Amino acid sequence: MKTTVFSQISIDGKLTLGAGSSSKELFTLFSSEDMEFIHKFRGNVQGIMVGKNTIQTDNPFLTNRYETNKNPIRIIPTATMDISLDSNVLTDEGKTIIVTTVHGQDPEKMELIRNRGKDCLISGYEKVDFVGLYRQLEEQYGMERLMVEGGGYLNWHIFDQDLVDEIILMQLPIIIGGADNVTLVDGEGYRTIDLAKKFNVVEVEPRATYTLMRFKRAV
């Protein structure tokens, strides 16, 4: 399954204006054409995955507003199922998959979610097993293309397990700063250069409000 990490970042790689802040503030700097670019990319994938922190802070719909018949399946990994039942991805009519673990599963909550027409998957014991999840998405849902919109910890897990094929960044010409702020990739990080994940530059294109950058995983 081809996986694209797709993100809007500042020059210094920040995704938000502080811990717990919504990324929606950055989107106010994009034009309507920029937003159409984002949404139409969603229309070209079968699945879109974000972490549960993104659901808690942004409460997004994760839909394609420009082509309503081409909405991806929303995939939300949460090891402890601490996601509100009032979240937009659980209350609208779109397809959503909540992914949890053997240790973190909540049968009562899972039943409530399934009664709304959403799906629940279990992958991993204490932490979400993303390799196993990918296999389930391919085998059970026929998924061939996945878009990942963060946040930083989710991105870390899929980069660390070599599950990312492509990166598309919309870099805004702003500096945000903040040592504790969310960046494109958070998590444990690597302390030796040979462990760093390597990508090739495919495209760098200055646009009116941002710079578009594309990278593909080095073979």
Protein backbone atom coordinates (compact mmCIF):
# COMPACT_ATOMS: atom_id res chain seq x y z
CA MET A 1 0.00 0.00 0.00
CA LYS A 2 1.46 3.33 -1.06
CA THR A 3 1.59 5.76 1.86
CA THR A 4 1.94 9.53 1.54
CA VAL A 5 2.62 11.76 4.53
CA PHE A 6 0.89 15.01 3.60
CA SER A 7 1.40 17.98 5.89
CA GLN A 8 1.27 21.74 6.25
CA ILE A 9 4.31 23.06 8.12
CA SER A 10 6.19 26.23 9.01
CA ILE A 11 9.78 26.91 7.90
CA ASP A 12 10.95 25.35 11.17
CA GLY A 13 8.79 22.27 10.72
CA LYS A 14 6.01 23.06 13.20
CA LEU A 15 2.47 21.76 12.69
CA THR A 16 0.68 23.98 15.22
CA LEU A 17 1.09 27.13 17.30
CA GLY A 18 1.77 25.24 20.52
CA ALA A 19 1.04 22.00 22.35
CA GLY A 20 -2.69 21.37 22.38
CA SER A 21 -3.34 24.02 19.72
CA SER A 22 -5.34 23.31 16.60
CA SER A 23 -3.58 23.14 13.25
CA LYS A 24 -6.59 24.94 11.78
CA GLU A 25 -4.89 28.27 12.52
CA LEU A 26 -2.24 27.52 9.90
CA PHE A 27 -4.94 26.82 7.33
CA THR A 28 -6.11 30.44 7.54
CA LEU A 29 -2.92 31.33 5.64
CA PHE A 30 -3.84 29.21 2.62
CA SER A 31 -5.97 30.35 -0.31
CA SER A 32 -9.12 28.64 -1.54
CA GLU A 33 -7.05 27.14 -4.37
CA ASP A 34 -4.62 25.71 -1.82
CA MET A 35 -7.47 24.12 0.13
CA GLU A 36 -8.86 22.63 -3.07
CA PHE A 37 -5.44 21.05 -3.73
CA ILE A 38 -5.54 19.39 -0.29
CA HIS A 39 -9.08 18.13 -0.60
CA LYS A 40 -8.70 16.80 -4.12
CA PHE A 41 -5.62 14.85 -3.03
CA ARG A 42 -7.88 13.17 -0.48
CA GLY A 43 -10.09 12.15 -3.37
CA ASN A 44 -7.22 10.17 -4.90
CA VAL A 45 -6.64 7.88 -1.90
CA GLN A 46 -8.72 5.15 -0.32
CA GLY A 47 -7.79 5.98 3.27
CA ILE A 48 -6.75 8.96 5.38
CA MET A 49 -5.13 8.43 8.78
CA VAL A 50 -4.61 10.87 11.66
CA GLY A 51 -3.71 10.37 15.30
CA LYS A 52 -6.23 10.66 18.10
CA ASN A 53 -4.61 13.91 19.30
CA THR A 54 -5.55 15.49 15.98
CA ILE A 55 -9.13 14.34 16.51
CA GLN A 56 -9.14 15.82 20.02
CA THR A 57 -7.68 19.22 19.10
CA ASP A 58 -9.07 19.79 15.58
CA ASN A 59 -12.18 17.57 15.51
CA PRO A 60 -11.88 17.36 11.70
CA PHE A 61 -14.23 15.69 9.23
CA LEU A 62 -11.33 14.56 6.98
CA THR A 63 -13.52 14.68 3.91
CA ASN A 64 -13.12 15.86 0.33
CA ARG A 65 -15.31 18.95 0.18
CA TYR A 66 -14.83 19.47 -3.55
CA GLU A 67 -15.79 15.95 -4.69
CA THR A 68 -18.31 14.62 -2.19
CA ASN A 69 -18.52 11.21 -3.86
CA LYS A 70 -14.76 10.65 -3.44
CA ASN A 71 -14.26 10.58 0.32
CA PRO A 72 -11.54 8.36 1.82
CA ILE A 73 -12.08 6.03 4.76
CA ARG A 74 -10.97 7.79 7.97
CA ILE A 75 -8.55 5.70 10.06
CA ILE A 76 -7.87 6.69 13.68
CA PRO A 77 -5.31 4.67 15.69
CA THR A 78 -5.71 4.97 19.47
CA ALA A 79 -4.07 2.44 21.76
CA THR A 80 -6.44 3.28 24.63
CA MET A 81 -9.63 4.22 22.76
CA ASP A 82 -9.72 7.62 24.48
CA ILE A 83 -11.62 9.26 21.65
CA SER A 84 -14.86 11.14 22.16
CA LEU A 85 -18.02 9.60 20.77
CA ASP A 86 -19.01 13.15 19.80
CA SER A 87 -16.09 13.42 17.34
CA ASN A 88 -17.16 14.40 13.84
CA VAL A 89 -15.62 11.26 12.36
CA LEU A 90 -18.00 9.22 14.54
CA THR A 91 -21.17 11.26 14.10
CA ASP A 92 -21.32 11.95 10.36
CA GLU A 93 -22.27 9.51 7.61
CA GLY A 94 -18.74 8.83 6.35
CA LYS A 95 -16.78 5.61 6.76
CA THR A 96 -14.47 5.50 9.80
CA ILE A 97 -12.20 2.83 11.27
CA ILE A 98 -11.07 3.09 14.90
CA VAL A 99 -7.90 1.06 15.46
CA THR A 100 -7.03 -0.06 18.98
CA THR A 101 -5.08 -2.76 20.81
CA VAL A 102 -5.77 -5.96 22.73
CA HIS A 103 -4.88 -4.22 25.99
CA GLY A 104 -6.75 -1.00 25.22
CA GLN A 105 -9.96 -2.32 23.71
CA ASP A 106 -13.26 -1.25 25.27
CA PRO A 107 -15.96 -3.72 24.12
CA GLU A 108 -18.84 -1.50 25.23
CA LYS A 109 -17.47 1.54 23.41
CA MET A 110 -16.63 -0.54 20.36
CA GLU A 111 -20.23 -1.76 20.20
CA LEU A 112 -21.51 1.83 20.34
CA ILE A 113 -19.14 2.78 17.52
CA ARG A 114 -20.18 -0.18 15.38
CA ASN A 115 -23.84 0.60 15.96
CA ARG A 116 -23.16 3.92 14.21
CA GLY A 117 -21.97 2.10 11.11
CA LYS A 118 -18.27 2.59 11.86
CA ASP A 119 -15.64 -0.15 12.12
CA CYS A 120 -13.22 -1.13 14.88
CA LEU A 121 -10.01 -3.08 14.33
CA ILE A 122 -7.51 -4.52 16.80
CA SER A 123 -3.83 -4.49 15.86
CA GLY A 124 -1.14 -5.01 18.47
CA TYR A 125 -1.18 -5.75 22.20
CA GLU A 126 -0.21 -2.55 24.06
CA LYS A 127 0.88 -0.37 21.13
CA VAL A 128 -0.77 -0.22 17.73
CA ASP A 129 0.98 -2.58 15.32
CA PHE A 130 1.06 -0.53 12.14
CA VAL A 131 2.52 -3.30 9.99
CA GLY A 132 -0.37 -5.53 11.03
CA LEU A 133 -2.82 -2.66 10.50
CA TYR A 134 -1.56 -2.11 6.95
CA ARG A 135 -2.09 -5.78 6.23
CA GLN A 136 -5.68 -5.59 7.50
CA LEU A 137 -6.40 -2.47 5.45
CA GLU A 138 -5.09 -4.14 2.31
CA GLU A 139 -6.78 -7.50 2.85
CA GLN A 140 -10.12 -6.42 4.34
CA TYR A 141 -10.66 -3.09 2.60
CA GLY A 142 -8.64 -3.45 -0.60
CA MET A 143 -6.76 -0.29 0.25
CA GLU A 144 -3.98 0.67 -2.18
CA ARG A 145 -3.24 4.31 -1.30
CA LEU A 146 -3.13 5.88 2.16
CA MET A 147 -2.73 9.54 3.09
CA VAL A 148 -1.38 10.37 6.57
CA GLU A 149 -1.96 13.85 7.97
CA GLY A 150 -0.13 13.45 11.28
CA GLY A 151 0.47 14.42 13.94
CA GLY A 152 4.09 14.11 14.90
CA TYR A 153 3.91 10.93 16.96
CA LEU A 154 1.84 9.04 14.41
CA ASN A 155 4.30 10.12 11.73
CA TRP A 156 7.20 8.87 13.88
CA HIS A 157 5.72 5.39 14.18
CA ILE A 158 5.14 4.91 10.45
CA PHE A 159 8.51 6.40 9.47
CA ASP A 160 10.26 4.23 12.05
CA GLN A 161 8.67 1.11 10.56
CA ASP A 162 9.55 2.10 6.97
CA LEU A 163 5.92 2.44 5.94
CA VAL A 164 6.19 5.82 4.19
CA ASP A 165 6.73 5.98 0.42
CA GLU A 166 6.20 9.68 -0.25
CA ILE A 167 6.17 13.01 1.59
CA ILE A 168 4.27 16.07 0.37
CA LEU A 169 4.82 19.27 2.35
CA MET A 170 3.11 22.63 2.01
CA GLN A 171 5.64 24.86 3.76
CA LEU A 172 4.41 28.26 4.87
CA PRO A 173 6.96 31.13 4.98
CA ILE A 174 6.62 31.59 8.76
CA ILE A 175 8.65 30.75 11.87
CA ILE A 176 6.74 29.48 14.91
CA GLY A 177 9.38 28.11 17.29
CA GLY A 178 8.79 26.40 20.62
CA ALA A 179 10.80 23.48 21.96
CA ASP A 180 7.66 21.60 23.01
CA ASN A 181 5.67 22.36 19.87
CA VAL A 182 4.51 19.56 17.57
CA THR A 183 6.82 19.01 14.59
CA LEU A 184 6.46 16.95 11.44
CA VAL A 185 8.03 13.95 13.17
CA ASP A 186 8.29 13.65 16.95
CA GLY A 187 8.78 10.44 18.94
CA GLU A 188 12.09 9.00 20.11
CA GLY A 189 14.21 10.04 17.14
CA TYR A 190 17.55 8.60 16.04
CA ARG A 191 20.97 9.31 17.55
CA THR A 192 23.14 7.99 14.72
CA ILE A 193 23.00 9.17 11.12
CA ASP A 194 22.94 5.64 9.69
CA LEU A 195 19.51 5.09 11.27
CA ALA A 196 18.02 8.23 9.71
CA LYS A 197 15.33 7.57 7.10
CA LYS A 198 16.49 8.69 3.66
CA PHE A 199 14.37 10.32 0.96
CA ASN A 200 15.08 11.81 -2.46
CA VAL A 201 13.95 15.30 -3.43
CA VAL A 202 11.43 15.05 -6.27
CA GLU A 203 10.05 18.57 -6.49
CA VAL A 204 10.40 22.01 -4.91
CA GLU A 205 7.92 24.53 -6.31
CA PRO A 206 7.36 28.02 -4.90
CA ARG A 207 3.66 28.90 -5.02
CA ALA A 208 1.78 32.07 -4.12
CA THR A 209 1.33 31.37 -0.41
CA TYR A 210 3.66 28.42 0.28
CA THR A 211 6.38 26.18 -1.13
CA LEU A 212 5.34 22.74 -2.35
CA MET A 213 7.92 20.03 -1.65
CA ARG A 214 7.77 16.37 -2.65
CA PHE A 215 10.07 13.57 -1.53
CA LYS A 216 10.18 9.86 -2.30
CA ARG A 217 11.78 7.16 -0.21
CA ALA A 218 15.32 6.38 -1.31
CA VAL A 219 15.73 2.84 -2.61
